[in-house]
Amino acid sequence: MAAETDGHEALLTLVALGYTTGIVPGLVLQHSGLRTRLRQVTASSVPDRLAIGVCIRRADVHRPLVAAAWAATQAGRADRFAQL
């Protein structure tokens, strides 16, 4: 299951409630009112490469922001992405 929040504080709230884990910039965590209810875990190493999948509904491609994001993913990588 995956969820998308409208901002870092919303994600930190879900984490504080025990619903999920999250990744946020350190600065966000340092200044959050929830920081005392959260535990920061530092990774021992950084992955060499991170693959990110992008899925966009065909019905949304006409929306300007979605179209721009989709176009950015297509630059030189058309064989790796599929429009759903």
Protein backbone atom coordinates (compact mmCIF):
# COMPACT_ATOMS: atom_id res chain seq x y z
CA MET A 1 0.00 0.00 0.00
CA ALA A 2 1.21 3.50 -0.76
CA ALA A 3 -0.07 6.92 0.17
CA GLU A 4 0.68 10.43 -0.98
CA THR A 5 0.49 13.41 1.35
CA ASP A 6 0.22 17.08 0.52
CA GLY A 7 3.30 17.94 2.57
CA HIS A 8 6.00 16.84 4.93
CA GLU A 9 4.02 17.61 8.08
CA ALA A 10 1.16 15.39 6.91
CA LEU A 11 3.64 12.57 6.33
CA LEU A 12 5.20 13.09 9.75
CA THR A 13 1.73 12.99 11.31
CA LEU A 14 1.03 9.61 9.69
CA VAL A 15 4.39 8.34 10.95
CA ALA A 16 3.75 9.65 14.47
CA LEU A 17 0.38 7.88 14.49
CA GLY A 18 2.12 4.63 13.56
CA TYR A 19 0.59 4.21 10.11
CA THR A 20 3.78 4.29 8.04
CA THR A 21 7.42 5.16 7.80
CA GLY A 22 8.57 8.19 5.90
CA ILE A 23 11.51 9.96 4.35
CA VAL A 24 11.78 13.71 4.79
CA PRO A 25 14.63 16.22 4.66
CA GLY A 26 16.48 16.52 7.97
CA LEU A 27 15.61 20.21 8.21
CA VAL A 28 11.90 19.37 8.11
CA LEU A 29 12.29 16.89 10.96
CA GLN A 30 14.38 19.30 13.05
CA HIS A 31 11.70 21.98 12.86
CA SER A 32 8.67 19.72 13.23
CA GLY A 33 6.51 19.91 16.33
CA LEU A 34 6.27 16.12 16.08
CA ARG A 35 10.03 15.48 16.32
CA THR A 36 9.80 14.29 19.93
CA ARG A 37 7.35 11.56 18.89
CA LEU A 38 9.52 10.29 16.04
CA ARG A 39 12.73 8.32 15.81
CA GLN A 40 15.25 9.15 13.13
CA VAL A 41 17.02 6.19 11.57
CA THR A 42 20.18 6.87 9.63
CA ALA A 43 21.02 4.52 6.80
CA SER A 44 24.43 2.87 7.07
CA SER A 45 24.98 3.29 3.36
CA VAL A 46 23.37 4.96 0.40
CA PRO A 47 22.08 2.75 -2.44
CA ASP A 48 24.14 2.98 -5.61
CA ARG A 49 21.12 3.47 -7.79
CA LEU A 50 17.46 4.04 -7.09
CA ALA A 51 14.88 3.04 -9.70
CA ILE A 52 11.71 5.12 -9.65
CA GLY A 53 8.58 4.09 -11.54
CA VAL A 54 6.19 6.63 -12.98
CA CYS A 55 2.56 5.88 -13.84
CA ILE A 56 0.10 8.40 -15.22
CA ARG A 57 -3.50 7.80 -16.24
CA ARG A 58 -4.16 8.66 -19.87
CA ALA A 59 -7.13 10.73 -18.76
CA ASP A 60 -4.77 13.03 -16.82
CA VAL A 61 -2.11 13.59 -19.50
CA HIS A 62 -3.98 16.65 -20.81
CA ARG A 63 -3.53 18.47 -17.49
CA PRO A 64 -0.62 20.94 -17.91
CA LEU A 65 1.37 19.95 -14.80
CA VAL A 66 0.89 16.23 -15.40
CA ALA A 67 1.85 16.63 -19.06
CA ALA A 68 5.02 18.52 -18.09
CA ALA A 69 5.98 15.87 -15.54
CA TRP A 70 5.32 13.10 -18.03
CA ALA A 71 7.40 14.86 -20.71
CA ALA A 72 10.29 15.16 -18.25
CA THR A 73 10.25 11.40 -17.66
CA GLN A 74 10.22 10.68 -21.38
CA ALA A 75 13.42 12.52 -22.26
CA GLY A 76 15.66 9.70 -23.51
CA ARG A 77 13.83 7.03 -21.54
CA ALA A 78 10.76 6.22 -23.64
CA ASP A 79 11.52 2.50 -23.53
CA ARG A 80 11.37 2.38 -19.73
CA PHE A 81 8.02 4.08 -19.14
CA ALA A 82 4.52 3.15 -20.13
CA GLN A 83 1.44 5.29 -20.19
CA LEU A 84 -1.49 3.61 -18.48
